[in-house]
Structure formats: C-alpha cells, structure tokens
Amino acid sequence: MSQDLSNTLQKDHALGQEKATRQSGKGPKKDYTPEEYVSISESSEFKALVKKKSGFILPISILFLGLYILLPILTSFTSVLDGKAIGDITWVWLYSLGLFIMTWVLCMTYVKKANSFDEDANKIVEKAKDGGY
C-alpha cells in the first residue's frame, strides 16, 4: 500500500513539474547547491534588496500597529475621542473610519512596492541562473 502511495506521489510530482514547465515556457527550475545559496545571500544585490525591503516594511508595520493600538488606548483611558465632530458623529467614529482607509492605502502601497521588490529578485535569480555567483 505504501508503494502505491509513493508511486502516486511521484506521478503527481512529475505532472506538477510538467505543468509548471509548460506554463512558464522555460525548462525545469534549476536546483542550487548550498554553496550557491550562500554566495547569493552574500552578494551585494541580495543585501541591497533585503535592506530596501526592511527599510520599507518595518516603518510601515510600526505605523500601522501604533495607530491601530492607539484606538483602544484612547477610548479606554482618555476622553479625547468622545467629543462630537460632525453632528452626532464622534471623533472615535472618524478615527475608526480612518483606520480602514489607512489599511487600504497601506495595502495598495505595499502591492506597488512589492512589484519593484519582485523585479529586483528576478534580476538576482536570472544572474544566478547565468552562473553570476
């Protein structure tokens, strides 16, 4: 029974690789040796990409979490957001709406920025495929 399962898994794996090859229009993905992974990770291009990603993700994450955590703190321990802003709508409702808007804006910003990260990563992969490391 385990032999049947093993054969089935091997067939599924082969079909998946064949499908990926047909979709990409390229040959099968090259497997890198541990030494190649180390040389790629120590390259200036890779380090620059990691630094660029960290320089974007860390401040955005701190901003997001800080503003999100500030809402329960302000509503629980102060009365700053209790005042009326527009008619019967209080500042807490506007702050909450602002959090939704902030979330969508940050998500759209990240998607656009991630595309540039992907381009840089693809350049590193292409250089690795050409034996540049």
Protein backbone atom coordinates (compact mmCIF):
# COMPACT_ATOMS: atom_id res chain seq x y z
CA MET A 1 0.00 0.00 0.00
CA SER A 2 2.80 2.42 0.82
CA GLN A 3 4.39 1.57 -2.53
CA ASP A 4 1.15 2.60 -4.28
CA LEU A 5 1.10 5.86 -2.36
CA SER A 6 4.74 6.50 -3.24
CA ASN A 7 4.08 5.86 -6.94
CA THR A 8 1.04 8.13 -6.90
CA LEU A 9 3.01 10.93 -5.25
CA GLN A 10 5.83 10.57 -7.78
CA LYS A 11 3.34 10.74 -10.67
CA ASP A 12 1.66 13.81 -9.16
CA HIS A 13 5.04 15.48 -8.69
CA ALA A 14 6.04 14.75 -12.28
CA LEU A 15 2.71 16.10 -13.57
CA GLY A 16 3.13 19.24 -11.49
CA GLN A 17 6.63 19.84 -12.83
CA GLU A 18 5.44 19.26 -16.39
CA LYS A 19 2.57 21.70 -15.92
CA ALA A 20 4.90 24.34 -14.42
CA THR A 21 7.30 23.89 -17.33
CA ARG A 22 4.52 24.35 -19.88
CA GLN A 23 3.14 27.43 -18.11
CA SER A 24 6.47 29.20 -17.75
CA GLY A 25 7.71 28.33 -21.21
CA LYS A 26 11.11 27.57 -19.75
CA GLY A 27 12.89 24.42 -18.71
CA PRO A 28 12.66 22.95 -15.25
CA LYS A 29 13.81 25.07 -12.34
CA LYS A 30 17.48 24.71 -11.52
CA ASP A 31 18.30 23.44 -8.07
CA TYR A 32 21.05 25.39 -6.39
CA THR A 33 23.74 23.92 -4.18
CA PRO A 34 24.13 25.15 -0.61
CA GLU A 35 27.28 26.98 -1.67
CA GLU A 36 25.35 28.83 -4.38
CA TYR A 37 22.69 29.84 -1.87
CA VAL A 38 25.39 31.21 0.43
CA SER A 39 27.08 33.13 -2.38
CA ILE A 40 23.74 34.59 -3.49
CA SER A 41 22.84 35.63 0.06
CA GLU A 42 26.24 37.28 0.50
CA SER A 43 26.02 39.22 -2.77
CA SER A 44 25.68 43.00 -2.72
CA GLU A 45 22.49 42.83 -4.84
CA PHE A 46 20.76 40.48 -2.38
CA LYS A 47 21.85 42.51 0.65
CA ALA A 48 20.61 45.70 -1.02
CA LEU A 49 17.23 44.05 -1.72
CA VAL A 50 16.88 42.87 1.87
CA LYS A 51 17.83 46.32 3.18
CA LYS A 52 15.36 48.00 0.82
CA LYS A 53 12.54 45.65 1.85
CA SER A 54 13.30 46.05 5.55
CA GLY A 55 13.52 49.83 5.17
CA PHE A 56 10.01 49.83 3.77
CA ILE A 57 8.26 47.09 5.76
CA LEU A 58 9.49 47.97 9.25
CA PRO A 59 8.35 51.63 9.37
CA ILE A 60 5.02 50.81 7.71
CA SER A 61 4.40 47.98 10.20
CA ILE A 62 5.25 50.21 13.17
CA LEU A 63 2.95 52.95 11.86
CA PHE A 64 0.11 50.50 11.28
CA LEU A 65 0.38 48.77 14.66
CA GLY A 66 0.92 52.04 16.52
CA LEU A 67 -2.18 53.70 15.10
CA TYR A 68 -4.25 50.55 15.48
CA ILE A 69 -3.28 50.04 19.13
CA LEU A 70 -3.81 53.72 19.86
CA LEU A 71 -7.59 53.44 19.33
CA PRO A 72 -8.36 51.17 22.31
CA ILE A 73 -5.90 53.10 24.45
CA LEU A 74 -7.53 56.44 23.64
CA THR A 75 -11.06 55.11 24.12
CA SER A 76 -10.31 53.23 27.35
CA PHE A 77 -8.11 55.66 29.24
CA THR A 78 -8.96 59.11 27.88
CA SER A 79 -11.97 61.06 26.70
CA VAL A 80 -10.16 62.68 23.77
CA LEU A 81 -12.29 60.97 21.12
CA ASP A 82 -15.63 61.41 22.95
CA GLY A 83 -16.37 64.88 21.55
CA LYS A 84 -18.76 65.44 18.68
CA ALA A 85 -17.07 66.07 15.34
CA ILE A 86 -19.94 66.34 12.83
CA GLY A 87 -23.46 66.39 14.18
CA ASP A 88 -23.90 63.32 16.38
CA ILE A 89 -20.78 61.61 14.96
CA THR A 90 -17.96 61.49 17.48
CA TRP A 91 -14.23 61.56 16.84
CA VAL A 92 -13.93 57.84 17.65
CA TRP A 93 -16.03 57.01 14.57
CA LEU A 94 -13.86 59.20 12.36
CA TYR A 95 -10.69 57.68 13.82
CA SER A 96 -12.08 54.18 13.19
CA LEU A 97 -13.01 55.07 9.61
CA GLY A 98 -9.51 56.48 9.19
CA LEU A 99 -8.08 53.11 10.26
CA PHE A 100 -9.99 51.37 7.47
CA ILE A 101 -8.77 53.93 4.94
CA MET A 102 -5.21 53.62 6.28
CA THR A 103 -5.35 49.82 5.93
CA TRP A 104 -6.43 50.01 2.27
CA VAL A 105 -3.85 52.68 1.44
CA LEU A 106 -1.04 50.72 3.09
CA CYS A 107 -2.09 47.53 1.28
CA MET A 108 -2.14 49.26 -2.11
CA THR A 109 1.20 50.92 -1.36
CA TYR A 110 2.72 47.59 -0.38
CA VAL A 111 1.47 45.86 -3.54
CA LYS A 112 3.02 48.55 -5.73
CA LYS A 113 6.28 48.45 -3.80
CA ALA A 114 6.34 44.63 -3.80
CA ASN A 115 6.33 44.67 -7.59
CA SER A 116 9.64 46.54 -7.56
CA PHE A 117 10.99 44.07 -5.00
CA ASP A 118 9.94 41.22 -7.31
CA GLU A 119 11.74 42.83 -10.24
CA ASP A 120 14.94 43.09 -8.20
CA ALA A 121 14.57 39.48 -7.02
CA ASN A 122 14.04 38.29 -10.60
CA LYS A 123 17.26 40.04 -11.64
CA ILE A 124 19.11 38.18 -8.88
CA VAL A 125 17.55 34.87 -9.97
CA GLU A 126 18.47 35.49 -13.61
CA LYS A 127 22.04 36.33 -12.63
CA ALA A 128 22.18 33.13 -10.56
CA LYS A 129 20.86 31.08 -13.49
CA ASP A 130 23.61 32.54 -15.68
CA GLY A 131 26.18 31.47 -13.12
CA GLY A 132 26.91 35.00 -11.93
CA TYR A 133 27.50 33.97 -8.31
